[in-house]
Amino acid sequence: MNTRPVCIVGGGVIGLALGWELARAGKRVLLLERDRVGRAASWVSAGMLAPDAEIQFEEPELYQFSKESLRRWPDYAQALEAASGVSVDLRTEGALMVAPDRDSAEAYRRIYRFAKEQGLNVEWLTGDEALELEPFLAPRLAGAMHAPETYQVDNRRLIEALRVALEKAGGEIREQVAVVAVEPDEVRPAVRTAEGERIEAETVVIAAGAWSGQIEGLGWKPPMRPIKGQVILLTMEPPFGLRYVVRGPDAYLVPKSDGRLIVGATMEEMGFDTRVTAGGLYKLLEGAWELVPGIYDLPVQEIGAGLRPGTRDNRPILGYGAPGIVLATGHYRHGILLTPITAQEVARLILTGETSPWLAPFSPERFLTASTPS
């Protein structure tokens, strides 16, 4: 009997969710996190589950993958809450893509027409109709796209729920352990830590987000880059009470049940710089105020920045990247949305050896021929 663990490198939502999936299937799981579990990109996420609002003309496979993950979210949330005793606050009010001017209205109308061609449940609203639906929007809007099948979860509750569920299922979590290299092998793959420890595993999973490309030993270098996103957390106070997720050209606003209002998020190619900047905050506040003027008097609770894991084609890398080494990384802006399908399908791959049709388009093989040795 194989007593070596599945060793998961990275403790964001993807690593935690995969760990829970494997642990409850009977696998021994060891999760190694370089810092604190869930405190990187997952912590400053807005928790939006919004494939219809995120649809892109050139990404049909990623859209279908996202749509399927959204379909799984209600059952996934119910199972996770039952296993952990922690509510993830799944909300289903929907989202509004709001156009403050004629140019943005035309851009959103193109997305709306494409979405309708794909058979999606979206509706175009006039500015007055949007204001009737969400009274805290700015007056005199040029229009809005309503996406009722857009959900959200509380990302921080999700992290806590996954951690509790993983540990209750027997998984082990070790924080402040940086993995610097992997050793591929069909039978005994291993990881090496910055402290010089070598840990043999049954399977190694690289789920280290933006840091995945820095881990040596694969024989090729995943084309990863960090994309910085700055966010502001405001505290909603009566009479202000935004209900819908609101998205615009330069900012989004996501209300949480505990009274937080998340305003995000910049898109900056700044390497591993996580400093919060005056320019980033100004851009977010200006973009958000243009959509929802009532934020002007709300108190600031927190500011922060995280690093999204982007690949060369901005699609995730899911599957075997070397003998005994699985990659589950590169989710870019969609990590929370893609948590159920990634965890379930990658777990299936590890447990059965079968690559599902859902995973096939995101195989590491698409990068192998053009990669250079690490």
Protein backbone atom coordinates (compact mmCIF):
# COMPACT_ATOMS: atom_id res chain seq x y z
CA MET A 1 0.00 0.00 0.00
CA ASN A 2 1.30 3.46 -0.94
CA THR A 3 1.61 5.54 2.23
CA ARG A 4 3.30 8.55 0.62
CA PRO A 5 1.09 11.63 0.43
CA VAL A 6 -0.18 13.57 -2.50
CA CYS A 7 1.94 16.66 -1.95
CA ILE A 8 0.22 19.90 -2.97
CA VAL A 9 2.45 22.94 -3.39
CA GLY A 10 0.39 26.06 -2.75
CA GLY A 11 -2.36 26.90 -0.28
CA GLY A 12 -4.68 29.18 -2.22
CA VAL A 13 -8.26 28.17 -3.00
CA ILE A 14 -7.19 25.79 -5.77
CA GLY A 15 -4.66 23.93 -3.62
CA LEU A 16 -7.02 23.77 -0.64
CA ALA A 17 -9.99 22.63 -2.73
CA LEU A 18 -7.98 19.92 -4.48
CA GLY A 19 -6.59 18.79 -1.14
CA TRP A 20 -10.08 18.46 0.32
CA GLU A 21 -11.30 16.57 -2.75
CA LEU A 22 -8.45 14.05 -2.50
CA ALA A 23 -8.59 13.71 1.29
CA ARG A 24 -12.29 12.91 1.30
CA ALA A 25 -11.60 10.32 -1.42
CA GLY A 26 -9.23 8.59 1.02
CA LYS A 27 -5.87 9.96 -0.10
CA ARG A 28 -3.22 11.10 2.34
CA VAL A 29 -2.69 14.81 1.58
CA LEU A 30 0.18 17.11 2.56
CA LEU A 31 -0.25 20.77 1.58
CA LEU A 32 2.80 23.04 1.69
CA GLU A 33 2.31 26.82 1.66
CA ARG A 34 5.17 29.29 1.31
CA ASP A 35 3.44 31.89 3.51
CA ARG A 36 0.01 31.67 5.14
CA VAL A 37 -2.80 29.62 3.66
CA GLY A 38 -5.13 31.65 1.47
CA ARG A 39 -3.40 35.00 2.07
CA ALA A 40 -2.19 35.75 -1.47
CA ALA A 41 -4.49 36.30 -4.48
CA SER A 42 -7.33 34.34 -2.87
CA TRP A 43 -7.48 36.78 0.06
CA VAL A 44 -7.96 39.92 -2.03
CA SER A 45 -10.35 38.34 -4.53
CA ALA A 46 -13.89 39.67 -4.80
CA GLY A 47 -15.38 36.16 -4.99
CA MET A 48 -17.33 36.80 -8.20
CA LEU A 49 -18.70 33.79 -10.08
CA ALA A 50 -19.40 35.52 -13.35
CA PRO A 51 -18.80 33.66 -16.62
CA ASP A 52 -21.52 35.61 -18.46
CA ALA A 53 -20.01 38.94 -17.43
CA GLU A 54 -16.49 37.71 -18.26
CA ILE A 55 -17.27 36.25 -21.68
CA GLN A 56 -14.66 36.98 -24.33
CA PHE A 57 -15.04 36.51 -28.07
CA GLU A 58 -11.84 34.48 -28.38
CA GLU A 59 -12.31 32.15 -25.38
CA PRO A 60 -15.15 29.66 -26.11
CA GLU A 61 -13.45 26.71 -24.37
CA LEU A 62 -12.65 28.71 -21.25
CA TYR A 63 -16.18 30.08 -21.21
CA GLN A 64 -17.71 26.58 -21.34
CA PHE A 65 -15.33 25.45 -18.61
CA SER A 66 -16.37 28.45 -16.50
CA LYS A 67 -20.06 27.91 -17.17
CA GLU A 68 -19.83 24.28 -16.06
CA SER A 69 -18.00 25.29 -12.89
CA LEU A 70 -20.75 27.81 -12.11
CA ARG A 71 -23.33 25.06 -12.59
CA ARG A 72 -21.51 22.99 -9.97
CA TRP A 73 -21.16 25.80 -7.44
CA PRO A 74 -24.49 25.47 -5.53
CA ASP A 75 -23.99 21.76 -4.80
CA TYR A 76 -20.30 22.36 -4.09
CA ALA A 77 -21.06 25.12 -1.61
CA GLN A 78 -23.65 22.96 0.13
CA ALA A 79 -21.22 20.03 0.45
CA LEU A 80 -18.40 22.25 1.68
CA GLU A 81 -20.59 23.96 4.26
CA ALA A 82 -21.77 20.58 5.53
CA ALA A 83 -18.20 19.29 5.77
CA SER A 84 -16.76 22.39 7.45
CA GLY A 85 -19.62 24.01 9.34
CA VAL A 86 -18.60 27.32 7.75
CA SER A 87 -20.94 29.31 5.50
CA VAL A 88 -19.38 30.52 2.23
CA ASP A 89 -22.24 33.00 1.68
CA LEU A 90 -23.19 31.99 -1.86
CA ARG A 91 -25.31 34.83 -3.26
CA THR A 92 -27.32 34.74 -6.49
CA GLU A 93 -28.66 38.28 -7.04
CA GLY A 94 -26.84 38.69 -10.36
CA ALA A 95 -24.66 41.42 -11.82
CA LEU A 96 -24.96 44.60 -13.83
CA MET A 97 -22.36 45.61 -16.42
CA VAL A 98 -22.87 49.36 -16.35
CA ALA A 99 -21.96 51.77 -19.15
CA PRO A 100 -21.43 55.33 -17.89
CA ASP A 101 -20.97 56.76 -21.39
CA ARG A 102 -21.75 56.09 -25.06
CA ASP A 103 -18.39 54.46 -25.88
CA SER A 104 -18.61 51.94 -23.05
CA ALA A 105 -22.26 51.29 -23.94
CA GLU A 106 -21.26 50.32 -27.47
CA ALA A 107 -18.53 48.01 -26.14
CA TYR A 108 -20.97 46.31 -23.77
CA ARG A 109 -23.59 46.03 -26.52
CA ARG A 110 -21.10 44.02 -28.58
CA ILE A 111 -20.60 41.68 -25.62
CA TYR A 112 -24.37 41.52 -25.14
CA ARG A 113 -25.01 40.59 -28.79
CA PHE A 114 -22.33 37.91 -28.68
CA ALA A 115 -23.73 36.57 -25.40
CA LYS A 116 -27.23 36.33 -26.89
CA GLU A 117 -25.82 34.48 -29.90
CA GLN A 118 -24.35 31.97 -27.45
CA GLY A 119 -27.79 31.49 -25.90
CA LEU A 120 -26.93 33.18 -22.61
CA ASN A 121 -29.44 34.57 -20.16
CA VAL A 122 -28.59 38.27 -20.39
CA GLU A 123 -30.74 41.37 -20.83
CA TRP A 124 -29.98 44.85 -22.14
CA LEU A 125 -31.33 47.67 -19.97
CA THR A 126 -31.68 51.38 -20.51
CA GLY A 127 -30.10 53.62 -17.90
CA ASP A 128 -33.49 54.20 -16.27
CA GLU A 129 -34.26 50.48 -16.19
CA ALA A 130 -30.89 49.74 -14.59
CA LEU A 131 -31.49 52.45 -11.99
CA GLU A 132 -34.88 50.97 -11.17
CA LEU A 133 -33.22 47.59 -10.56
CA GLU A 134 -30.35 49.02 -8.51
CA PRO A 135 -31.22 52.47 -7.04
CA PHE A 136 -27.65 53.20 -5.94
CA LEU A 137 -26.37 53.41 -9.52
CA ALA A 138 -25.44 56.79 -10.95
CA PRO A 139 -28.16 58.68 -12.81
CA ARG A 140 -27.98 59.28 -16.57
CA LEU A 141 -26.23 56.01 -17.43
CA ALA A 142 -25.92 55.09 -21.10
CA GLY A 143 -27.17 51.54 -20.48
CA ALA A 144 -26.35 48.26 -18.78
CA MET A 145 -26.22 44.52 -19.35
CA HIS A 146 -27.99 42.46 -16.70
CA ALA A 147 -26.52 38.99 -16.08
CA PRO A 148 -28.90 37.32 -13.61
CA GLU A 149 -26.93 34.06 -13.53
CA THR A 150 -23.93 35.70 -11.91
CA TYR A 151 -23.22 34.52 -8.38
CA GLN A 152 -20.70 35.41 -5.71
CA VAL A 153 -19.19 33.86 -2.60
CA ASP A 154 -17.30 35.32 0.32
CA ASN A 155 -13.73 34.47 -0.64
CA ARG A 156 -12.41 34.68 2.91
CA ARG A 157 -15.10 32.43 4.31
CA LEU A 158 -14.38 30.06 1.42
CA ILE A 159 -10.71 29.86 2.41
CA GLU A 160 -11.64 29.11 6.02
CA ALA A 161 -14.23 26.51 4.99
CA LEU A 162 -11.75 24.71 2.73
CA ARG A 163 -9.07 24.70 5.39
CA VAL A 164 -11.41 23.28 8.03
CA ALA A 165 -12.83 20.68 5.62
CA LEU A 166 -9.37 19.57 4.49
CA GLU A 167 -8.10 19.14 8.04
CA LYS A 168 -11.32 17.38 9.15
CA ALA A 169 -10.82 14.93 6.25
CA GLY A 170 -7.33 14.14 7.53
CA GLY A 171 -5.24 16.43 5.37
CA GLU A 172 -2.10 18.04 6.77
CA ILE A 173 -1.23 21.71 6.17
CA ARG A 174 2.25 23.12 6.71
CA GLU A 175 2.69 26.88 6.42
CA GLN A 176 5.90 28.89 6.00
CA VAL A 177 7.37 26.09 3.86
CA ALA A 178 8.68 27.29 0.49
CA VAL A 179 9.12 24.62 -2.17
CA VAL A 180 11.97 25.50 -4.52
CA ALA A 181 12.10 22.42 -6.75
CA VAL A 182 10.32 19.24 -7.74
CA GLU A 183 11.85 15.92 -8.75
CA PRO A 184 9.73 14.21 -11.41
CA ASP A 185 9.39 10.43 -11.21
CA GLU A 186 6.61 8.03 -12.21
CA VAL A 187 6.77 6.22 -8.86
CA ARG A 188 8.47 8.48 -6.31
CA PRO A 189 8.22 12.15 -7.27
CA ALA A 190 9.50 14.53 -4.62
CA VAL A 191 9.72 18.18 -3.61
CA ARG A 192 12.65 20.07 -2.13
CA THR A 193 12.12 22.97 0.23
CA ALA A 194 14.15 26.13 0.76
CA GLU A 195 15.30 24.64 4.10
CA GLY A 196 16.78 21.63 2.32
CA GLU A 197 14.06 19.12 3.22
CA ARG A 198 13.23 16.47 0.62
CA ILE A 199 9.71 15.01 0.70
CA GLU A 200 8.75 12.00 -1.41
CA ALA A 201 5.18 11.81 -2.62
CA GLU A 202 2.76 9.62 -4.48
CA THR A 203 1.97 12.59 -6.73
CA VAL A 204 3.13 16.21 -6.59
CA VAL A 205 0.70 18.99 -7.51
CA ILE A 206 1.97 22.48 -8.33
CA ALA A 207 -0.83 24.87 -7.37
CA ALA A 208 1.36 27.80 -6.36
CA GLY A 209 -0.42 30.49 -8.36
CA ALA A 210 1.83 33.24 -9.66
CA TRP A 211 4.84 31.53 -8.07
CA SER A 212 4.33 28.27 -10.00
CA GLY A 213 6.80 29.26 -12.72
CA GLN A 214 9.58 29.78 -10.19
CA ILE A 215 9.68 26.16 -9.04
CA GLU A 216 12.63 24.36 -10.60
CA GLY A 217 12.97 20.80 -11.82
CA LEU A 218 10.08 20.30 -14.23
CA GLY A 219 12.40 20.22 -17.23
CA TRP A 220 10.49 23.14 -18.75
CA LYS A 221 9.30 26.47 -17.44
CA PRO A 222 5.56 27.15 -17.29
CA PRO A 223 4.96 30.53 -18.94
CA MET A 224 3.58 32.22 -15.83
CA ARG A 225 3.49 35.88 -14.92
CA PRO A 226 1.98 37.78 -11.99
CA ILE A 227 -0.74 40.34 -12.74
CA LYS A 228 -1.14 42.76 -9.87
CA GLY A 229 -4.60 43.72 -8.69
CA GLN A 230 -5.22 46.42 -6.09
CA VAL A 231 -8.48 46.45 -4.12
CA ILE A 232 -10.25 48.67 -1.59
CA LEU A 233 -12.63 47.38 1.09
CA LEU A 234 -15.28 49.89 2.13
CA THR A 235 -17.84 49.54 4.92
CA MET A 236 -21.45 49.98 3.82
CA GLU A 237 -23.49 52.13 6.20
CA PRO A 238 -27.23 52.92 6.00
CA PRO A 239 -28.89 54.27 4.03
CA PHE A 240 -26.34 52.95 1.50
CA GLY A 241 -27.10 49.34 0.60
CA LEU A 242 -25.84 48.18 -2.80
CA ARG A 243 -27.44 44.83 -3.67
CA TYR A 244 -26.05 43.83 -7.07
CA VAL A 245 -22.53 43.21 -8.23
CA VAL A 246 -21.77 46.24 -10.41
CA ARG A 247 -19.08 46.21 -13.10
CA GLY A 248 -17.86 49.07 -15.25
CA PRO A 249 -14.98 49.94 -17.56
CA ASP A 250 -12.55 50.81 -14.76
CA ALA A 251 -13.82 49.15 -11.58
CA TYR A 252 -16.21 46.65 -10.06
CA LEU A 253 -18.15 46.81 -6.79
CA VAL A 254 -19.09 43.62 -4.91
CA PRO A 255 -21.30 43.93 -1.79
CA LYS A 256 -20.88 41.30 0.93
CA SER A 257 -23.44 40.17 3.48
CA ASP A 258 -21.23 41.28 6.38
CA GLY A 259 -21.33 44.91 5.18
CA ARG A 260 -18.06 44.99 3.27
CA LEU A 261 -18.02 46.48 -0.21
CA ILE A 262 -15.10 45.32 -2.33
CA VAL A 263 -13.91 47.76 -4.98
CA GLY A 264 -11.44 46.35 -7.48
CA ALA A 265 -9.34 45.66 -9.30
CA THR A 266 -6.44 47.07 -11.24
CA MET A 267 -4.62 45.04 -13.90
CA GLU A 268 -0.90 45.78 -13.65
CA GLU A 269 2.12 44.01 -15.13
CA MET A 270 4.50 44.91 -12.30
CA GLY A 271 6.25 41.64 -11.54
CA PHE A 272 6.00 40.52 -7.91
CA ASP A 273 5.42 44.02 -6.57
CA THR A 274 2.45 43.97 -4.18
CA ARG A 275 2.69 47.55 -2.94
CA VAL A 276 -0.53 49.54 -2.87
CA THR A 277 -0.11 52.77 -4.83
CA ALA A 278 -1.83 56.14 -4.80
CA GLY A 279 -2.41 55.91 -8.54
CA GLY A 280 -4.02 52.49 -8.27
CA LEU A 281 -6.37 53.60 -5.50
CA TYR A 282 -7.26 56.78 -7.35
CA LYS A 283 -8.13 54.83 -10.51
CA LEU A 284 -10.34 52.43 -8.57
CA LEU A 285 -12.17 55.13 -6.63
CA GLU A 286 -12.72 57.25 -9.72
CA GLY A 287 -14.02 54.28 -11.71
CA ALA A 288 -16.28 53.10 -8.88
CA TRP A 289 -17.63 56.57 -8.04
CA GLU A 290 -18.60 57.04 -11.68
CA LEU A 291 -20.84 53.97 -11.36
CA VAL A 292 -22.05 54.31 -7.76
CA PRO A 293 -21.63 57.87 -6.41
CA GLY A 294 -22.85 56.88 -2.96
CA ILE A 295 -19.48 55.34 -2.09
CA TYR A 296 -18.10 58.86 -1.55
CA ASP A 297 -18.89 58.95 2.18
CA LEU A 298 -18.22 55.29 3.02
CA PRO A 299 -15.33 54.57 5.41
CA VAL A 300 -12.30 52.66 4.15
CA GLN A 301 -11.83 49.39 6.02
CA GLU A 302 -8.83 47.94 4.21
CA ILE A 303 -6.63 48.28 1.13
CA GLY A 304 -4.56 45.54 -0.45
CA ALA A 305 -3.02 43.99 -3.53
CA GLY A 306 -2.65 40.47 -4.87
CA LEU A 307 -0.99 38.73 -7.79
CA ARG A 308 -3.17 36.85 -10.25
CA PRO A 309 -1.45 33.89 -11.92
CA GLY A 310 -1.51 34.56 -15.67
CA THR A 311 -0.22 32.26 -18.38
CA ARG A 312 0.88 33.17 -21.89
CA ASP A 313 -2.65 32.62 -23.22
CA ASN A 314 -4.42 33.55 -19.94
CA ARG A 315 -5.88 30.05 -19.62
CA PRO A 316 -5.17 27.64 -16.75
CA ILE A 317 -2.59 24.86 -16.92
CA LEU A 318 -4.22 21.61 -15.76
CA GLY A 319 -2.66 18.18 -16.08
CA TYR A 320 0.61 16.26 -15.95
CA GLY A 321 3.61 18.46 -16.72
CA ALA A 322 6.23 15.80 -15.98
CA PRO A 323 6.21 12.23 -14.62
CA GLY A 324 4.44 12.29 -11.27
CA ILE A 325 3.98 16.08 -11.40
CA VAL A 326 0.53 17.62 -11.95
CA LEU A 327 -0.05 21.32 -12.56
CA ALA A 328 -3.22 23.05 -11.34
CA THR A 329 -2.39 26.71 -11.79
CA GLY A 330 -2.70 29.75 -14.05
CA HIS A 331 -6.34 30.59 -13.32
CA TYR A 332 -5.75 34.32 -13.89
CA ARG A 333 -8.96 36.20 -12.88
CA HIS A 334 -11.09 33.08 -12.54
CA GLY A 335 -9.66 31.14 -9.59
CA ILE A 336 -12.71 31.32 -7.31
CA LEU A 337 -15.12 30.64 -10.16
CA LEU A 338 -13.12 27.64 -11.37
CA THR A 339 -12.53 26.11 -7.94
CA PRO A 340 -15.15 23.30 -8.09
CA ILE A 341 -14.43 22.05 -11.59
CA THR A 342 -10.66 22.30 -11.19
CA ALA A 343 -10.63 20.44 -7.88
CA GLN A 344 -13.02 17.73 -9.02
CA GLU A 345 -11.51 17.09 -12.45
CA VAL A 346 -7.86 17.24 -11.33
CA ALA A 347 -8.72 14.92 -8.43
CA ARG A 348 -10.27 12.55 -10.94
CA LEU A 349 -7.08 12.67 -12.99
CA ILE A 350 -4.94 11.81 -9.95
CA LEU A 351 -7.29 9.10 -8.69
CA THR A 352 -7.98 7.36 -12.00
CA GLY A 353 -5.32 8.51 -14.44
CA GLU A 354 -8.07 9.69 -16.80
CA THR A 355 -7.97 13.17 -18.36
CA SER A 356 -11.57 14.32 -18.65
CA PRO A 357 -12.81 16.25 -21.69
CA TRP A 358 -13.10 19.27 -19.39
CA LEU A 359 -9.36 19.27 -18.69
CA ALA A 360 -8.10 18.39 -22.18
CA PRO A 361 -8.09 21.97 -23.62
CA PHE A 362 -5.92 23.19 -20.72
CA SER A 363 -3.22 20.53 -20.83
CA PRO A 364 0.40 21.63 -20.20
CA GLU A 365 1.26 19.97 -23.50
CA ARG A 366 0.27 23.11 -25.38
CA PHE A 367 3.38 24.81 -23.99
CA LEU A 368 5.88 21.94 -24.03
CA THR A 369 7.04 22.22 -27.64
CA ALA A 370 7.86 25.91 -27.27
CA SER A 371 9.32 25.75 -23.76
CA THR A 372 12.91 25.99 -22.66
CA PRO A 373 14.52 23.88 -19.94
CA SER A 374 14.34 25.28 -16.45
